């Protein structure tokens, strides 16, 4: 039986997001690979060439870096995008004082942006 022709999904955007998140956290490729039990070349190929990761590695990277798969797999993303998920993760680790500062800052931004419209 012939294999059904299916276009391969291009994982380059996902790889670029993983690389940006990893470098943003100042994590070395070696550190990540040691913790995930994968080879540095495998991660480099995912990040730089869009190599298709295994489903398990895909989910581990997505969860590790709070990457929203919606923006990569859906034409019209639903839910939170990657930046909102990463902000949520930062907020989860913040003290009450930090939350108050961020809230005040967000209110000020919303007010300024409302005036610009």
N, C-alpha and C. Protein backbone atom coordinates (compact mmCIF):
# COMPACT_ATOMS: atom_id res chain seq x y z
N UNK A 1 0.84 -1.17 0.00
CA UNK A 1 0.00 0.00 0.00
C UNK A 1 0.90 1.24 0.00
N UNK A 2 0.57 2.21 -0.81
CA UNK A 2 1.35 3.44 -0.91
C UNK A 2 1.08 4.33 0.30
N UNK A 3 2.09 5.06 0.67
CA UNK A 3 1.96 5.99 1.79
C UNK A 3 1.19 7.23 1.34
N UNK A 4 0.27 7.65 2.14
CA UNK A 4 -0.55 8.82 1.84
C UNK A 4 0.33 10.07 1.86
N UNK A 5 0.30 10.88 0.80
CA UNK A 5 1.14 12.08 0.78
C UNK A 5 0.57 13.14 1.72
N UNK A 6 1.33 13.48 2.72
CA UNK A 6 0.91 14.48 3.70
C UNK A 6 2.04 15.50 3.84
N UNK A 7 1.71 16.78 3.73
CA UNK A 7 2.78 17.77 3.90
C UNK A 7 3.32 17.72 5.33
N UNK A 8 4.62 17.78 5.45
CA UNK A 8 5.27 17.76 6.77
C UNK A 8 5.09 19.11 7.44
N UNK A 9 4.75 19.10 8.73
CA UNK A 9 4.64 20.34 9.48
C UNK A 9 6.03 20.94 9.65
N UNK A 10 6.15 22.23 9.47
CA UNK A 10 7.41 22.95 9.60
C UNK A 10 7.59 23.39 11.05
N UNK A 11 8.52 22.77 11.76
CA UNK A 11 8.76 23.05 13.17
C UNK A 11 9.79 24.15 13.40
N UNK A 12 10.19 24.87 12.36
CA UNK A 12 11.23 25.90 12.55
C UNK A 12 10.79 27.00 13.50
N UNK A 13 9.53 27.45 13.41
CA UNK A 13 9.05 28.51 14.30
C UNK A 13 9.04 28.02 15.75
N UNK A 14 8.64 26.77 15.95
CA UNK A 14 8.65 26.20 17.30
C UNK A 14 10.09 26.12 17.82
N UNK A 15 11.00 25.66 16.99
CA UNK A 15 12.41 25.57 17.37
C UNK A 15 12.98 26.92 17.74
N UNK A 16 12.63 27.95 16.95
CA UNK A 16 13.11 29.30 17.24
C UNK A 16 12.56 29.80 18.57
N UNK A 17 11.30 29.48 18.87
CA UNK A 17 10.70 29.88 20.14
C UNK A 17 11.39 29.18 21.31
N UNK A 18 11.71 27.91 21.14
CA UNK A 18 12.41 27.16 22.18
C UNK A 18 13.78 27.78 22.42
N UNK A 19 14.49 28.04 21.35
CA UNK A 19 15.83 28.62 21.48
C UNK A 19 15.78 29.99 22.17
N UNK A 20 14.82 30.83 21.78
CA UNK A 20 14.68 32.15 22.39
C UNK A 20 14.36 32.04 23.88
N UNK A 21 13.48 31.11 24.23
CA UNK A 21 13.12 30.93 25.64
C UNK A 21 14.31 30.39 26.44
N UNK A 22 15.03 29.44 25.86
CA UNK A 22 16.19 28.85 26.54
C UNK A 22 17.27 29.90 26.77
N UNK A 23 17.59 30.66 25.74
CA UNK A 23 18.63 31.68 25.88
C UNK A 23 18.15 32.82 26.77
N UNK A 24 16.85 33.10 26.74
CA UNK A 24 16.28 34.11 27.63
C UNK A 24 16.43 33.75 29.09
N UNK A 25 16.40 32.47 29.38
CA UNK A 25 16.61 31.98 30.74
C UNK A 25 18.09 31.77 31.06
N UNK A 26 18.92 32.03 30.05
CA UNK A 26 20.37 31.84 30.18
C UNK A 26 20.72 30.39 30.52
N UNK A 27 19.99 29.46 29.91
CA UNK A 27 20.28 28.04 30.07
C UNK A 27 21.13 27.57 28.90
N UNK A 28 22.17 26.85 29.21
CA UNK A 28 22.99 26.30 28.13
C UNK A 28 22.28 25.10 27.53
N UNK A 29 22.61 24.83 26.29
CA UNK A 29 22.03 23.67 25.62
C UNK A 29 22.43 22.39 26.37
N UNK A 30 23.67 22.34 26.85
CA UNK A 30 24.15 21.17 27.58
C UNK A 30 23.33 20.93 28.84
N UNK A 31 23.06 21.99 29.59
CA UNK A 31 22.28 21.86 30.83
C UNK A 31 20.90 21.28 30.53
N UNK A 32 20.25 21.83 29.53
CA UNK A 32 18.90 21.37 29.17
C UNK A 32 18.95 19.91 28.74
N UNK A 33 19.93 19.59 27.91
CA UNK A 33 20.03 18.22 27.39
C UNK A 33 20.34 17.22 28.50
N UNK A 34 21.20 17.61 29.42
CA UNK A 34 21.51 16.74 30.56
C UNK A 34 20.25 16.48 31.39
N UNK A 35 19.46 17.51 31.61
CA UNK A 35 18.25 17.36 32.43
C UNK A 35 17.14 16.59 31.71
N UNK A 36 17.12 16.69 30.38
CA UNK A 36 16.07 16.02 29.61
C UNK A 36 16.52 14.68 29.04
N UNK A 37 17.80 14.34 29.24
CA UNK A 37 18.34 13.08 28.72
C UNK A 37 18.21 12.98 27.20
N UNK A 38 18.59 14.08 26.54
CA UNK A 38 18.65 14.08 25.07
C UNK A 38 20.02 14.59 24.66
N UNK A 39 20.38 14.38 23.41
CA UNK A 39 21.69 14.83 22.95
C UNK A 39 21.64 16.31 22.57
N UNK A 40 22.74 17.03 22.78
CA UNK A 40 22.79 18.43 22.38
C UNK A 40 22.54 18.63 20.88
N UNK A 41 22.99 17.68 20.07
CA UNK A 41 22.77 17.79 18.62
C UNK A 41 21.28 17.71 18.29
N UNK A 42 20.55 16.85 18.99
CA UNK A 42 19.11 16.71 18.78
C UNK A 42 18.42 18.04 19.07
N UNK A 43 18.74 18.65 20.23
CA UNK A 43 18.14 19.93 20.58
C UNK A 43 18.56 21.02 19.60
N UNK A 44 19.83 21.03 19.20
CA UNK A 44 20.30 22.03 18.23
C UNK A 44 19.54 21.89 16.92
N UNK A 45 19.29 20.67 16.48
CA UNK A 45 18.56 20.46 15.23
C UNK A 45 17.10 20.91 15.36
N UNK A 46 16.50 20.71 16.52
CA UNK A 46 15.13 21.19 16.74
C UNK A 46 15.12 22.71 16.69
N UNK A 47 16.06 23.33 17.40
CA UNK A 47 16.11 24.79 17.49
C UNK A 47 16.48 25.45 16.16
N UNK A 48 17.44 24.90 15.46
CA UNK A 48 18.01 25.59 14.30
C UNK A 48 17.50 25.10 12.94
N UNK A 49 17.09 23.85 12.87
CA UNK A 49 16.69 23.29 11.58
C UNK A 49 15.23 22.88 11.52
N UNK A 50 14.51 23.01 12.63
CA UNK A 50 13.12 22.62 12.65
C UNK A 50 12.90 21.12 12.61
N UNK A 51 13.90 20.35 13.12
CA UNK A 51 13.73 18.90 13.17
C UNK A 51 12.49 18.56 13.97
N UNK A 52 11.76 17.56 13.53
CA UNK A 52 10.56 17.14 14.24
C UNK A 52 10.96 16.45 15.54
N UNK A 53 10.57 17.02 16.68
CA UNK A 53 10.87 16.35 17.94
C UNK A 53 9.90 15.20 18.16
N UNK A 54 10.31 14.27 19.01
CA UNK A 54 9.34 13.23 19.40
C UNK A 54 8.22 13.92 20.15
N UNK A 55 7.09 13.28 20.24
CA UNK A 55 5.95 13.87 20.94
C UNK A 55 6.31 14.15 22.39
N UNK A 56 7.02 13.23 23.03
CA UNK A 56 7.41 13.41 24.43
C UNK A 56 8.31 14.63 24.60
N UNK A 57 9.30 14.78 23.75
CA UNK A 57 10.23 15.92 23.84
C UNK A 57 9.48 17.21 23.51
N UNK A 58 8.59 17.16 22.53
CA UNK A 58 7.77 18.32 22.18
C UNK A 58 7.03 18.83 23.41
N UNK A 59 6.35 17.93 24.13
CA UNK A 59 5.60 18.32 25.32
C UNK A 59 6.52 18.80 26.44
N UNK A 60 7.64 18.14 26.64
CA UNK A 60 8.56 18.55 27.69
C UNK A 60 9.11 19.96 27.43
N UNK A 61 9.48 20.24 26.19
CA UNK A 61 9.98 21.57 25.86
C UNK A 61 8.88 22.61 25.99
N UNK A 62 7.70 22.27 25.53
CA UNK A 62 6.56 23.19 25.62
C UNK A 62 6.28 23.55 27.07
N UNK A 63 6.29 22.56 27.94
CA UNK A 63 6.00 22.81 29.36
C UNK A 63 7.17 23.50 30.06
N UNK A 64 8.38 23.11 29.74
CA UNK A 64 9.56 23.70 30.37
C UNK A 64 9.63 25.20 30.13
N UNK A 65 9.31 25.61 28.89
CA UNK A 65 9.45 27.01 28.52
C UNK A 65 8.13 27.75 28.37
N UNK A 66 7.04 27.14 28.83
CA UNK A 66 5.73 27.78 28.77
C UNK A 66 5.41 28.29 27.37
N UNK A 67 5.62 27.42 26.41
CA UNK A 67 5.35 27.75 25.01
C UNK A 67 3.92 27.33 24.68
N UNK A 68 3.18 28.21 24.05
CA UNK A 68 1.82 27.90 23.64
C UNK A 68 1.85 27.19 22.29
N UNK A 69 1.40 25.96 22.25
CA UNK A 69 1.38 25.25 20.97
C UNK A 69 0.28 25.78 20.06
N UNK A 70 -0.71 26.44 20.64
CA UNK A 70 -1.80 26.99 19.84
C UNK A 70 -1.27 27.88 18.73
N UNK A 71 -0.30 28.72 19.05
CA UNK A 71 0.19 29.66 18.04
C UNK A 71 0.94 28.96 16.92
N UNK A 72 1.37 27.73 17.14
CA UNK A 72 2.09 27.00 16.11
C UNK A 72 1.22 26.00 15.36
N UNK A 73 0.23 25.44 16.03
CA UNK A 73 -0.54 24.37 15.42
C UNK A 73 -1.92 24.78 14.93
N UNK A 74 -2.44 25.90 15.42
CA UNK A 74 -3.79 26.32 15.03
C UNK A 74 -3.71 27.57 14.16
N UNK A 75 -4.60 27.65 13.18
CA UNK A 75 -4.63 28.84 12.35
C UNK A 75 -5.08 30.05 13.15
N UNK A 76 -6.08 29.86 13.98
CA UNK A 76 -6.55 30.92 14.85
C UNK A 76 -6.34 30.45 16.29
N UNK A 77 -5.25 30.87 16.92
CA UNK A 77 -4.96 30.39 18.26
C UNK A 77 -6.07 30.72 19.25
N UNK A 78 -6.34 29.77 20.11
CA UNK A 78 -7.27 29.98 21.20
C UNK A 78 -6.46 29.95 22.48
N UNK A 79 -6.93 30.57 23.49
CA UNK A 79 -6.19 30.55 24.76
C UNK A 79 -5.03 31.51 24.75
N UNK A 80 -4.12 31.28 25.67
CA UNK A 80 -3.01 32.20 25.88
C UNK A 80 -1.86 31.91 24.93
N UNK A 81 -1.25 32.99 24.43
CA UNK A 81 -0.08 32.81 23.58
C UNK A 81 1.15 32.60 24.46
N UNK A 82 2.27 32.39 23.85
CA UNK A 82 3.49 32.08 24.58
C UNK A 82 3.88 33.19 25.54
N UNK A 83 3.81 34.44 25.10
CA UNK A 83 4.21 35.54 25.98
C UNK A 83 3.33 35.60 27.23
N UNK A 84 2.03 35.36 27.09
CA UNK A 84 1.14 35.38 28.26
C UNK A 84 1.43 34.20 29.18
N UNK A 85 1.72 33.05 28.61
CA UNK A 85 2.04 31.88 29.45
C UNK A 85 3.34 32.11 30.22
N UNK A 86 4.33 32.72 29.55
CA UNK A 86 5.59 32.98 30.23
C UNK A 86 5.42 34.05 31.31
N UNK A 87 4.58 35.05 31.05
CA UNK A 87 4.29 36.06 32.07
C UNK A 87 3.58 35.42 33.26
N UNK A 88 2.63 34.55 32.99
CA UNK A 88 1.95 33.83 34.08
C UNK A 88 2.94 33.06 34.95
N UNK A 89 3.90 32.40 34.31
CA UNK A 89 4.90 31.64 35.06
C UNK A 89 5.74 32.57 35.94
N UNK A 90 6.09 33.74 35.41
CA UNK A 90 6.84 34.71 36.22
C UNK A 90 6.00 35.20 37.40
N UNK A 91 4.72 35.47 37.13
CA UNK A 91 3.84 35.95 38.20
C UNK A 91 3.65 34.90 39.28
N UNK A 92 3.62 33.64 38.89
CA UNK A 92 3.45 32.56 39.88
C UNK A 92 4.58 32.55 40.91
N UNK A 93 5.77 32.99 40.52
CA UNK A 93 6.92 32.97 41.41
C UNK A 93 7.13 34.29 42.15
N UNK A 94 6.24 35.27 41.94
CA UNK A 94 6.41 36.59 42.51
C UNK A 94 5.78 36.71 43.89
N UNK A 95 6.36 37.59 44.69
CA UNK A 95 5.80 37.89 46.02
C UNK A 95 4.57 38.78 45.85
N UNK A 96 3.83 38.97 46.95
CA UNK A 96 2.66 39.85 46.90
C UNK A 96 3.07 41.28 46.54
N UNK A 97 4.21 41.71 47.03
CA UNK A 97 4.71 43.05 46.71
C UNK A 97 4.98 43.16 45.20
N UNK A 98 5.62 42.17 44.65
CA UNK A 98 5.88 42.16 43.22
C UNK A 98 4.59 42.19 42.41
N UNK A 99 3.60 41.43 42.84
CA UNK A 99 2.30 41.39 42.15
C UNK A 99 1.65 42.77 42.19
N UNK A 100 1.72 43.46 43.34
CA UNK A 100 1.14 44.80 43.44
C UNK A 100 1.84 45.76 42.47
N UNK A 101 3.16 45.65 42.35
CA UNK A 101 3.91 46.52 41.44
C UNK A 101 3.52 46.25 40.00
N UNK A 102 3.45 44.97 39.65
CA UNK A 102 3.08 44.60 38.27
C UNK A 102 1.66 45.04 37.96
N UNK A 103 0.75 44.88 38.91
CA UNK A 103 -0.64 45.29 38.72
C UNK A 103 -0.74 46.79 38.49
N UNK A 104 -0.04 47.58 39.31
CA UNK A 104 -0.05 49.03 39.15
C UNK A 104 0.53 49.43 37.80
N UNK A 105 1.60 48.76 37.41
CA UNK A 105 2.22 49.04 36.11
C UNK A 105 1.25 48.71 34.97
N UNK A 106 0.60 47.56 35.05
CA UNK A 106 -0.35 47.15 34.01
C UNK A 106 -1.52 48.13 33.93
N UNK A 107 -2.01 48.60 35.06
CA UNK A 107 -3.11 49.58 35.05
C UNK A 107 -2.68 50.88 34.37
N UNK A 108 -1.48 51.31 34.67
CA UNK A 108 -0.95 52.54 34.06
C UNK A 108 -0.82 52.38 32.55
N UNK A 109 -0.29 51.24 32.13
CA UNK A 109 -0.15 50.97 30.69
C UNK A 109 -1.53 50.98 30.02
N UNK A 110 -2.51 50.30 30.63
CA UNK A 110 -3.86 50.26 30.08
C UNK A 110 -4.46 51.66 29.98
N UNK A 111 -4.22 52.47 30.98
CA UNK A 111 -4.73 53.85 30.96
C UNK A 111 -4.10 54.65 29.83
N UNK A 112 -2.79 54.57 29.69
CA UNK A 112 -2.07 55.30 28.64
C UNK A 112 -2.51 54.81 27.26
N UNK A 113 -2.63 53.50 27.10
CA UNK A 113 -3.06 52.96 25.80
C UNK A 113 -4.50 53.35 25.50
N UNK A 114 -5.34 53.45 26.53
CA UNK A 114 -6.73 53.89 26.34
C UNK A 114 -6.80 55.34 25.89
N UNK A 115 -5.89 56.16 26.37
CA UNK A 115 -5.85 57.56 25.96
C UNK A 115 -5.38 57.73 24.52
N UNK A 116 -4.56 56.80 24.06
CA UNK A 116 -4.01 56.89 22.70
C UNK A 116 -5.04 56.55 21.63
N UNK A 117 -6.10 55.86 22.00
CA UNK A 117 -7.08 55.42 21.01
C UNK A 117 -8.06 56.50 20.66
